[in-house]
Amino acid sequence: MDAKGMPKTWLSKSCHGVRVILVDVFEFEVDDGEESYVVSLTNKTCHCGRRTLIGIPCKHAIACIVHRKLDYTDFVHEAYHVKTYAKTYGPRFLGMPGHKIWPTSTNPKPLPPPFRKMSGRPNKRKKRLEVNEAKGGKKQGSMVRKYKQERCGNCGTLGHNKTK
């Protein structure tokens, strides 16, 4: 275990397969397979760009930190520290009463946005009724269709047809 309670095997596994070449005291060249990256521990940068994006050291930077036997928590961005988290959520948040207890406003209530007819073919199933249309599907004041009575094709009398 290291000083922060993290097992040291985690550090060695995260930087497995990289070769660290010392260039200066805190400048390194890290070979990761076919690619080579320059890591600066003083500027807390790596040319892979992961450190600058999320603020956590990449595996190239961790390999350099392990090589110099430094504490890796010094290279993590302050946003991820427990102290910063405690400062963020340190102040008390007071509860809010229900909306029935809120004071009423003298301003007028907001209106819905105006209706806009959308482009495209209207849906047949959910056809909107017009203002002068009743629920039965007939317009108010419209004429009612009169059907003819059935006439038989054999005998010619009204009230039934050939099949009945």
N, C-alpha and C. Protein backbone atom coordinates (compact mmCIF):
# COMPACT_ATOMS: atom_id res chain seq x y z
N MET A 1 0.84 -1.19 0.00
CA MET A 1 0.00 0.00 0.00
C MET A 1 0.89 1.25 0.00
N ASP A 2 0.42 2.27 -0.71
CA ASP A 2 1.16 3.53 -0.70
C ASP A 2 0.60 4.42 0.40
N ALA A 3 1.07 5.66 0.45
CA ALA A 3 0.69 6.58 1.53
C ALA A 3 -0.80 6.93 1.49
N LYS A 4 -1.43 6.90 0.34
CA LYS A 4 -2.84 7.28 0.22
C LYS A 4 -3.79 6.09 0.33
N GLY A 5 -3.28 4.90 0.60
CA GLY A 5 -4.13 3.74 0.78
C GLY A 5 -4.40 2.97 -0.50
N MET A 6 -3.80 3.35 -1.62
CA MET A 6 -4.00 2.68 -2.89
C MET A 6 -2.92 1.61 -3.04
N PRO A 7 -3.26 0.41 -3.47
CA PRO A 7 -2.23 -0.62 -3.63
C PRO A 7 -1.25 -0.23 -4.74
N LYS A 8 0.03 -0.53 -4.52
CA LYS A 8 1.06 -0.19 -5.50
C LYS A 8 0.94 -1.02 -6.77
N THR A 9 0.29 -2.15 -6.69
CA THR A 9 0.11 -2.98 -7.89
C THR A 9 -0.77 -2.26 -8.91
N TRP A 10 -1.68 -1.42 -8.45
CA TRP A 10 -2.52 -0.65 -9.36
C TRP A 10 -1.68 0.27 -10.23
N LEU A 11 -0.69 0.91 -9.61
CA LEU A 11 0.18 1.81 -10.37
C LEU A 11 1.01 1.04 -11.39
N SER A 12 1.53 -0.09 -10.98
CA SER A 12 2.39 -0.84 -11.90
C SER A 12 1.58 -1.46 -13.03
N LYS A 13 0.32 -1.85 -12.76
CA LYS A 13 -0.51 -2.43 -13.82
C LYS A 13 -0.95 -1.36 -14.83
N SER A 14 -1.20 -0.13 -14.34
CA SER A 14 -1.68 0.91 -15.24
C SER A 14 -0.61 1.38 -16.22
N CYS A 15 0.67 1.19 -15.89
CA CYS A 15 1.74 1.62 -16.79
C CYS A 15 2.50 0.43 -17.36
N HIS A 16 1.85 -0.70 -17.45
CA HIS A 16 2.48 -1.92 -17.96
C HIS A 16 2.75 -1.80 -19.47
N GLY A 17 3.91 -2.20 -19.89
CA GLY A 17 4.24 -2.23 -21.31
C GLY A 17 4.81 -0.94 -21.87
N VAL A 18 5.15 0.02 -21.01
CA VAL A 18 5.76 1.26 -21.49
C VAL A 18 7.21 1.33 -21.02
N ARG A 19 8.04 2.00 -21.82
CA ARG A 19 9.46 2.15 -21.48
C ARG A 19 9.73 3.62 -21.24
N VAL A 20 10.30 3.94 -20.07
CA VAL A 20 10.55 5.31 -19.67
C VAL A 20 12.02 5.64 -19.90
N ILE A 21 12.26 6.74 -20.63
CA ILE A 21 13.63 7.21 -20.89
C ILE A 21 13.74 8.60 -20.28
N LEU A 22 14.71 8.76 -19.36
CA LEU A 22 14.90 10.03 -18.66
C LEU A 22 15.59 11.02 -19.60
N VAL A 23 15.00 12.18 -19.80
CA VAL A 23 15.58 13.23 -20.64
C VAL A 23 16.17 14.33 -19.76
N ASP A 24 15.41 14.75 -18.76
CA ASP A 24 15.83 15.76 -17.80
C ASP A 24 15.32 15.28 -16.44
N VAL A 25 15.44 16.09 -15.42
CA VAL A 25 15.03 15.68 -14.08
C VAL A 25 13.55 15.31 -14.05
N PHE A 26 12.70 16.16 -14.64
CA PHE A 26 11.27 15.88 -14.67
C PHE A 26 10.72 15.82 -16.09
N GLU A 27 11.58 15.58 -17.07
CA GLU A 27 11.17 15.42 -18.47
C GLU A 27 11.51 14.00 -18.90
N PHE A 28 10.55 13.34 -19.56
CA PHE A 28 10.72 11.95 -19.94
C PHE A 28 10.25 11.73 -21.37
N GLU A 29 10.82 10.69 -21.98
CA GLU A 29 10.31 10.18 -23.25
C GLU A 29 9.79 8.78 -22.95
N VAL A 30 8.53 8.54 -23.28
CA VAL A 30 7.89 7.27 -22.96
C VAL A 30 7.55 6.57 -24.27
N ASP A 31 8.08 5.35 -24.43
CA ASP A 31 7.77 4.54 -25.61
C ASP A 31 6.65 3.58 -25.26
N ASP A 32 5.55 3.70 -26.01
CA ASP A 32 4.38 2.86 -25.79
C ASP A 32 4.11 2.10 -27.09
N GLY A 33 4.77 0.98 -27.26
CA GLY A 33 4.61 0.21 -28.49
C GLY A 33 5.27 0.94 -29.65
N GLU A 34 4.50 1.35 -30.63
CA GLU A 34 5.03 2.03 -31.79
C GLU A 34 5.12 3.54 -31.59
N GLU A 35 4.39 4.10 -30.65
CA GLU A 35 4.34 5.55 -30.43
C GLU A 35 5.31 5.96 -29.32
N SER A 36 5.74 7.21 -29.40
CA SER A 36 6.62 7.79 -28.39
C SER A 36 6.01 9.10 -27.93
N TYR A 37 5.95 9.33 -26.62
CA TYR A 37 5.33 10.52 -26.05
C TYR A 37 6.32 11.24 -25.15
N VAL A 38 6.22 12.57 -25.12
CA VAL A 38 7.05 13.39 -24.23
C VAL A 38 6.19 13.77 -23.04
N VAL A 39 6.69 13.49 -21.83
CA VAL A 39 5.95 13.77 -20.60
C VAL A 39 6.77 14.75 -19.77
N SER A 40 6.10 15.81 -19.32
CA SER A 40 6.72 16.79 -18.44
C SER A 40 5.97 16.79 -17.13
N LEU A 41 6.66 16.38 -16.06
CA LEU A 41 6.00 16.36 -14.75
C LEU A 41 5.94 17.74 -14.13
N THR A 42 6.82 18.66 -14.54
CA THR A 42 6.75 20.03 -13.99
C THR A 42 5.54 20.76 -14.55
N ASN A 43 5.27 20.60 -15.85
CA ASN A 43 4.10 21.24 -16.47
C ASN A 43 2.85 20.39 -16.37
N LYS A 44 2.99 19.15 -15.92
CA LYS A 44 1.89 18.18 -15.82
C LYS A 44 1.22 17.98 -17.18
N THR A 45 2.05 17.72 -18.20
CA THR A 45 1.54 17.52 -19.55
C THR A 45 2.10 16.25 -20.15
N CYS A 46 1.33 15.70 -21.08
CA CYS A 46 1.75 14.55 -21.88
C CYS A 46 1.28 14.83 -23.30
N HIS A 47 2.04 14.41 -24.28
CA HIS A 47 1.69 14.71 -25.67
C HIS A 47 0.55 13.84 -26.18
N CYS A 48 0.08 12.87 -25.41
CA CYS A 48 -1.10 12.12 -25.84
C CYS A 48 -2.36 12.95 -25.64
N GLY A 49 -2.32 13.96 -24.73
CA GLY A 49 -3.43 14.89 -24.55
C GLY A 49 -4.46 14.47 -23.53
N ARG A 50 -4.37 13.28 -22.99
CA ARG A 50 -5.40 12.81 -22.05
C ARG A 50 -5.37 13.62 -20.75
N ARG A 51 -4.19 13.96 -20.27
CA ARG A 51 -4.06 14.71 -19.01
C ARG A 51 -4.72 16.07 -19.12
N THR A 52 -4.55 16.75 -20.25
CA THR A 52 -5.12 18.08 -20.40
C THR A 52 -6.64 18.01 -20.56
N LEU A 53 -7.18 16.89 -21.03
CA LEU A 53 -8.62 16.77 -21.21
C LEU A 53 -9.35 16.52 -19.91
N ILE A 54 -8.89 15.54 -19.11
CA ILE A 54 -9.67 15.16 -17.92
C ILE A 54 -8.99 15.48 -16.60
N GLY A 55 -7.71 15.83 -16.61
CA GLY A 55 -7.04 16.22 -15.37
C GLY A 55 -6.51 15.07 -14.55
N ILE A 56 -6.55 13.86 -15.08
CA ILE A 56 -6.00 12.69 -14.39
C ILE A 56 -4.81 12.21 -15.21
N PRO A 57 -3.68 11.87 -14.58
CA PRO A 57 -2.51 11.44 -15.36
C PRO A 57 -2.80 10.20 -16.21
N CYS A 58 -2.28 10.22 -17.43
CA CYS A 58 -2.41 9.06 -18.32
C CYS A 58 -1.39 8.01 -17.92
N LYS A 59 -1.40 6.88 -18.61
CA LYS A 59 -0.48 5.80 -18.23
C LYS A 59 0.97 6.17 -18.49
N HIS A 60 1.22 7.09 -19.44
CA HIS A 60 2.60 7.52 -19.69
C HIS A 60 3.10 8.35 -18.52
N ALA A 61 2.26 9.26 -18.02
CA ALA A 61 2.64 10.09 -16.87
C ALA A 61 2.77 9.25 -15.61
N ILE A 62 1.90 8.27 -15.44
CA ILE A 62 1.98 7.39 -14.27
C ILE A 62 3.28 6.58 -14.30
N ALA A 63 3.70 6.15 -15.48
CA ALA A 63 4.97 5.42 -15.59
C ALA A 63 6.13 6.30 -15.16
N CYS A 64 6.10 7.58 -15.51
CA CYS A 64 7.15 8.51 -15.09
C CYS A 64 7.10 8.78 -13.59
N ILE A 65 5.90 8.88 -13.04
CA ILE A 65 5.73 9.10 -11.60
C ILE A 65 6.26 7.91 -10.81
N VAL A 66 5.97 6.71 -11.28
CA VAL A 66 6.47 5.49 -10.63
C VAL A 66 7.99 5.41 -10.76
N HIS A 67 8.50 5.81 -11.93
CA HIS A 67 9.96 5.78 -12.17
C HIS A 67 10.69 6.71 -11.21
N ARG A 68 10.11 7.91 -10.93
CA ARG A 68 10.73 8.88 -10.01
C ARG A 68 10.33 8.63 -8.56
N LYS A 69 9.44 7.65 -8.31
CA LYS A 69 8.97 7.30 -6.96
C LYS A 69 8.32 8.50 -6.27
N LEU A 70 7.43 9.17 -7.00
CA LEU A 70 6.71 10.32 -6.48
C LEU A 70 5.29 9.91 -6.11
N ASP A 71 4.57 10.79 -5.41
CA ASP A 71 3.18 10.54 -5.04
C ASP A 71 2.28 10.95 -6.22
N TYR A 72 1.49 10.03 -6.73
CA TYR A 72 0.67 10.30 -7.91
C TYR A 72 -0.47 11.27 -7.64
N THR A 73 -0.88 11.42 -6.38
CA THR A 73 -1.99 12.32 -6.07
C THR A 73 -1.60 13.79 -6.26
N ASP A 74 -0.32 14.10 -6.27
CA ASP A 74 0.12 15.47 -6.51
C ASP A 74 -0.09 15.88 -7.97
N PHE A 75 -0.30 14.92 -8.85
CA PHE A 75 -0.43 15.19 -10.28
C PHE A 75 -1.88 15.10 -10.76
N VAL A 76 -2.81 14.86 -9.85
CA VAL A 76 -4.22 14.83 -10.19
C VAL A 76 -4.78 16.24 -10.03
N HIS A 77 -5.66 16.66 -10.93
CA HIS A 77 -6.23 18.01 -10.89
C HIS A 77 -6.99 18.22 -9.58
N GLU A 78 -6.98 19.47 -9.11
CA GLU A 78 -7.60 19.79 -7.82
C GLU A 78 -9.10 19.51 -7.77
N ALA A 79 -9.74 19.46 -8.90
CA ALA A 79 -11.19 19.21 -8.93
C ALA A 79 -11.53 17.82 -8.40
N TYR A 80 -10.58 16.90 -8.47
CA TYR A 80 -10.83 15.52 -8.02
C TYR A 80 -10.41 15.28 -6.58
N HIS A 81 -9.90 16.29 -5.88
CA HIS A 81 -9.47 16.11 -4.50
C HIS A 81 -10.67 16.13 -3.55
N VAL A 82 -10.53 15.48 -2.42
CA VAL A 82 -11.60 15.40 -1.43
C VAL A 82 -11.85 16.78 -0.82
N LYS A 83 -10.79 17.57 -0.66
CA LYS A 83 -10.96 18.92 -0.09
C LYS A 83 -11.86 19.79 -0.97
N THR A 84 -11.67 19.70 -2.28
CA THR A 84 -12.50 20.47 -3.21
C THR A 84 -13.94 20.00 -3.15
N TYR A 85 -14.13 18.70 -3.07
CA TYR A 85 -15.48 18.14 -2.97
C TYR A 85 -16.15 18.63 -1.69
N ALA A 86 -15.41 18.64 -0.59
CA ALA A 86 -15.96 19.09 0.68
C ALA A 86 -16.31 20.58 0.64
N LYS A 87 -15.50 21.38 -0.06
CA LYS A 87 -15.80 22.82 -0.19
C LYS A 87 -17.06 23.03 -1.03
N THR A 88 -17.23 22.21 -2.05
CA THR A 88 -18.38 22.36 -2.93
C THR A 88 -19.67 22.07 -2.19
N TYR A 89 -19.70 20.98 -1.44
CA TYR A 89 -20.91 20.57 -0.76
C TYR A 89 -20.90 20.91 0.73
N GLY A 90 -20.01 21.79 1.14
CA GLY A 90 -19.90 22.19 2.54
C GLY A 90 -21.05 23.06 3.03
N PRO A 91 -21.46 24.06 2.24
CA PRO A 91 -22.55 24.91 2.74
C PRO A 91 -23.85 24.13 2.89
N ARG A 92 -24.68 24.58 3.83
CA ARG A 92 -25.96 23.93 4.04
C ARG A 92 -26.94 24.31 2.95
N PHE A 93 -27.70 23.36 2.49
CA PHE A 93 -28.79 23.61 1.55
C PHE A 93 -30.08 23.50 2.35
N LEU A 94 -30.83 24.58 2.39
CA LEU A 94 -32.08 24.59 3.14
C LEU A 94 -33.20 24.01 2.30
N GLY A 95 -34.14 23.36 2.96
CA GLY A 95 -35.29 22.78 2.27
C GLY A 95 -36.25 23.87 1.82
N MET A 96 -37.07 23.54 0.83
CA MET A 96 -38.06 24.49 0.31
C MET A 96 -39.45 24.03 0.68
N PRO A 97 -40.34 24.96 1.07
CA PRO A 97 -41.71 24.56 1.38
C PRO A 97 -42.45 24.20 0.09
N GLY A 98 -43.62 23.57 0.23
CA GLY A 98 -44.43 23.18 -0.91
C GLY A 98 -44.97 24.38 -1.66
N HIS A 99 -45.42 24.17 -2.89
CA HIS A 99 -45.86 25.28 -3.74
C HIS A 99 -47.14 25.94 -3.23
N LYS A 100 -47.88 25.29 -2.35
CA LYS A 100 -49.10 25.90 -1.81
C LYS A 100 -48.77 27.03 -0.84
N ILE A 101 -47.58 27.00 -0.25
CA ILE A 101 -47.17 27.99 0.73
C ILE A 101 -46.46 29.17 0.06
N TRP A 102 -46.08 29.04 -1.19
CA TRP A 102 -45.37 30.11 -1.90
C TRP A 102 -46.25 31.34 -1.99
N PRO A 103 -45.67 32.52 -1.95
CA PRO A 103 -46.49 33.74 -2.09
C PRO A 103 -47.02 33.86 -3.53
N THR A 104 -48.25 34.38 -3.65
CA THR A 104 -48.84 34.52 -4.98
C THR A 104 -48.32 35.80 -5.63
N SER A 105 -48.20 35.76 -6.92
CA SER A 105 -47.68 36.89 -7.68
C SER A 105 -48.83 37.73 -8.23
N THR A 106 -48.59 39.01 -8.39
CA THR A 106 -49.59 39.90 -8.97
C THR A 106 -49.47 39.96 -10.49
N ASN A 107 -48.42 39.40 -11.03
CA ASN A 107 -48.22 39.38 -12.48
C ASN A 107 -49.21 38.43 -13.13
N PRO A 108 -49.59 38.69 -14.40
CA PRO A 108 -50.52 37.77 -15.07
C PRO A 108 -49.85 36.43 -15.34
N LYS A 109 -50.66 35.37 -15.37
CA LYS A 109 -50.14 34.03 -15.62
C LYS A 109 -49.67 33.93 -17.06
N PRO A 110 -48.62 33.19 -17.32
CA PRO A 110 -48.12 33.09 -18.69
C PRO A 110 -49.09 32.31 -19.58
N LEU A 111 -49.17 32.70 -20.83
CA LEU A 111 -50.05 32.06 -21.79
C LEU A 111 -49.27 31.03 -22.60
N PRO A 112 -49.96 30.01 -23.12
CA PRO A 112 -49.25 29.05 -23.96
C PRO A 112 -48.84 29.70 -25.28
N PRO A 113 -47.87 29.14 -25.97
CA PRO A 113 -47.47 29.72 -27.25
C PRO A 113 -48.59 29.60 -28.27
N PRO A 114 -48.62 30.47 -29.28
CA PRO A 114 -49.69 30.40 -30.28
C PRO A 114 -49.61 29.11 -31.08
N PHE A 115 -50.80 28.63 -31.52
CA PHE A 115 -50.85 27.38 -32.28
C PHE A 115 -50.29 27.61 -33.67
N ARG A 116 -49.40 26.73 -34.08
CA ARG A 116 -48.82 26.78 -35.41
C ARG A 116 -49.17 25.51 -36.14
N LYS A 117 -49.69 25.60 -37.32
CA LYS A 117 -50.00 24.41 -38.09
C LYS A 117 -48.69 23.88 -38.66
N MET A 118 -48.38 22.65 -38.34
CA MET A 118 -47.12 22.05 -38.77
C MET A 118 -47.24 21.57 -40.21
N SER A 119 -46.13 21.55 -40.89
CA SER A 119 -46.13 21.11 -42.28
C SER A 119 -46.24 19.59 -42.33
N GLY A 120 -46.67 19.08 -43.45
CA GLY A 120 -46.78 17.64 -43.63
C GLY A 120 -48.23 17.19 -43.65
N ARG A 121 -48.42 15.94 -43.96
CA ARG A 121 -49.77 15.38 -44.05
C ARG A 121 -50.33 15.14 -42.66
N PRO A 122 -51.59 15.51 -42.40
CA PRO A 122 -52.15 15.30 -41.06
C PRO A 122 -52.42 13.82 -40.81
N ASN A 123 -52.39 13.45 -39.56
CA ASN A 123 -52.63 12.07 -39.15
C ASN A 123 -54.13 11.79 -39.25
N LYS A 124 -54.51 10.67 -39.88
CA LYS A 124 -55.92 10.34 -40.06
C LYS A 124 -56.57 9.91 -38.75
N ARG A 125 -55.87 9.19 -37.93
CA ARG A 125 -56.45 8.63 -36.70
C ARG A 125 -56.81 9.70 -35.69
N LYS A 126 -56.00 10.70 -35.58
CA LYS A 126 -56.24 11.72 -34.57
C LYS A 126 -56.63 13.02 -35.25
N LYS A 127 -57.68 12.97 -36.02
CA LYS A 127 -58.14 14.16 -36.72
C LYS A 127 -58.78 15.11 -35.72
N ARG A 128 -58.38 16.36 -35.77
CA ARG A 128 -58.96 17.36 -34.88
C ARG A 128 -60.32 17.80 -35.43
N LEU A 129 -61.27 17.95 -34.54
CA LEU A 129 -62.58 18.42 -34.94
C LEU A 129 -62.54 19.92 -35.17
N GLU A 130 -63.23 20.35 -36.19
CA GLU A 130 -63.32 21.77 -36.45
C GLU A 130 -64.27 22.40 -35.43
N VAL A 131 -64.33 23.71 -35.44
CA VAL A 131 -65.14 24.43 -34.45
C VAL A 131 -66.62 24.09 -34.62
N ASN A 132 -67.09 24.01 -35.86
CA ASN A 132 -68.52 23.77 -36.09
C ASN A 132 -68.84 22.29 -36.26
N GLU A 133 -67.93 21.39 -35.88
CA GLU A 133 -68.13 19.96 -36.06
C GLU A 133 -68.54 19.33 -34.74
N ALA A 134 -69.51 18.43 -34.78
CA ALA A 134 -69.97 17.74 -33.57
C ALA A 134 -69.12 16.49 -33.37
N LYS A 135 -69.30 15.83 -32.21
CA LYS A 135 -68.51 14.65 -31.91
C LYS A 135 -68.91 13.45 -32.75
N GLY A 136 -70.11 13.41 -33.27
CA GLY A 136 -70.57 12.28 -34.05
C GLY A 136 -69.97 12.24 -35.44
N GLY A 137 -69.21 13.22 -35.81
CA GLY A 137 -68.59 13.24 -37.12
C GLY A 137 -69.38 14.05 -38.12
N LYS A 138 -70.58 14.53 -37.75
CA LYS A 138 -71.41 15.33 -38.66
C LYS A 138 -71.30 16.79 -38.27
N LYS A 139 -71.29 17.63 -39.25
CA LYS A 139 -71.26 19.06 -38.97
C LYS A 139 -72.65 19.50 -38.52
N GLN A 140 -72.67 20.46 -37.63
CA GLN A 140 -73.95 20.97 -37.16
C GLN A 140 -74.64 21.73 -38.28
N GLY A 141 -75.91 21.46 -38.45
CA GLY A 141 -76.67 22.14 -39.47
C GLY A 141 -76.47 21.57 -40.86
N SER A 142 -75.79 20.44 -40.98
CA SER A 142 -75.58 19.86 -42.31
C SER A 142 -76.76 18.95 -42.66
N MET A 143 -76.88 18.64 -43.90
CA MET A 143 -77.99 17.80 -44.36
C MET A 143 -77.72 16.34 -44.03
N VAL A 144 -78.79 15.60 -43.77
CA VAL A 144 -78.69 14.18 -43.47
C VAL A 144 -78.95 13.42 -44.77
N ARG A 145 -78.14 12.43 -45.05
CA ARG A 145 -78.29 11.66 -46.28
C ARG A 145 -79.50 10.73 -46.14
N LYS A 146 -80.30 10.69 -47.17
CA LYS A 146 -81.47 9.81 -47.18
C LYS A 146 -81.14 8.62 -48.06
N TYR A 147 -81.30 7.43 -47.48
CA TYR A 147 -81.01 6.20 -48.21
C TYR A 147 -82.29 5.69 -48.88
N LYS A 148 -82.12 5.04 -50.03
CA LYS A 148 -83.25 4.42 -50.72
C LYS A 148 -83.56 3.09 -50.06
N GLN A 149 -84.80 2.67 -50.10
CA GLN A 149 -85.16 1.36 -49.56
C GLN A 149 -84.70 0.29 -50.52
N GLU A 150 -84.44 -0.91 -49.99
CA GLU A 150 -84.03 -2.03 -50.83
C GLU A 150 -85.18 -2.49 -51.71
N ARG A 151 -84.84 -2.91 -52.93
CA ARG A 151 -85.86 -3.42 -53.85
C ARG A 151 -85.37 -4.79 -54.31
N CYS A 152 -86.21 -5.74 -54.30
CA CYS A 152 -85.88 -7.11 -54.70
C CYS A 152 -85.71 -7.16 -56.23
N GLY A 153 -84.69 -7.91 -56.66
CA GLY A 153 -84.43 -8.06 -58.08
C GLY A 153 -85.36 -9.07 -58.75
N ASN A 154 -85.91 -10.02 -57.99
CA ASN A 154 -86.81 -11.05 -58.54
C ASN A 154 -88.25 -10.55 -58.63
N CYS A 155 -88.78 -10.13 -57.47
CA CYS A 155 -90.20 -9.78 -57.44
C CYS A 155 -90.43 -8.28 -57.59
N GLY A 156 -89.45 -7.43 -57.31
CA GLY A 156 -89.58 -6.00 -57.48
C GLY A 156 -90.21 -5.28 -56.32
N THR A 157 -90.50 -5.95 -55.19
CA THR A 157 -91.12 -5.29 -54.04
C THR A 157 -90.04 -4.64 -53.16
N LEU A 158 -90.47 -3.66 -52.34
CA LEU A 158 -89.56 -2.95 -51.44
C LEU A 158 -89.39 -3.71 -50.13
N GLY A 159 -88.24 -3.48 -49.43
CA GLY A 159 -88.04 -4.03 -48.10
C GLY A 159 -87.13 -5.22 -48.04
N HIS A 160 -86.83 -5.86 -49.17
CA HIS A 160 -85.89 -6.97 -49.15
C HIS A 160 -85.13 -7.00 -50.48
N ASN A 161 -84.09 -7.86 -50.53
CA ASN A 161 -83.36 -8.02 -51.78
C ASN A 161 -83.34 -9.47 -52.21
N LYS A 162 -82.63 -9.79 -53.28
CA LYS A 162 -82.61 -11.12 -53.85
C LYS A 162 -82.16 -12.19 -52.87
N THR A 163 -81.08 -11.90 -52.11
CA THR A 163 -80.50 -12.92 -51.22
C THR A 163 -81.34 -13.16 -49.98
N LYS A 164 -82.13 -12.17 -49.55
CA LYS A 164 -82.93 -12.32 -48.32
C LYS A 164 -84.32 -12.78 -48.70
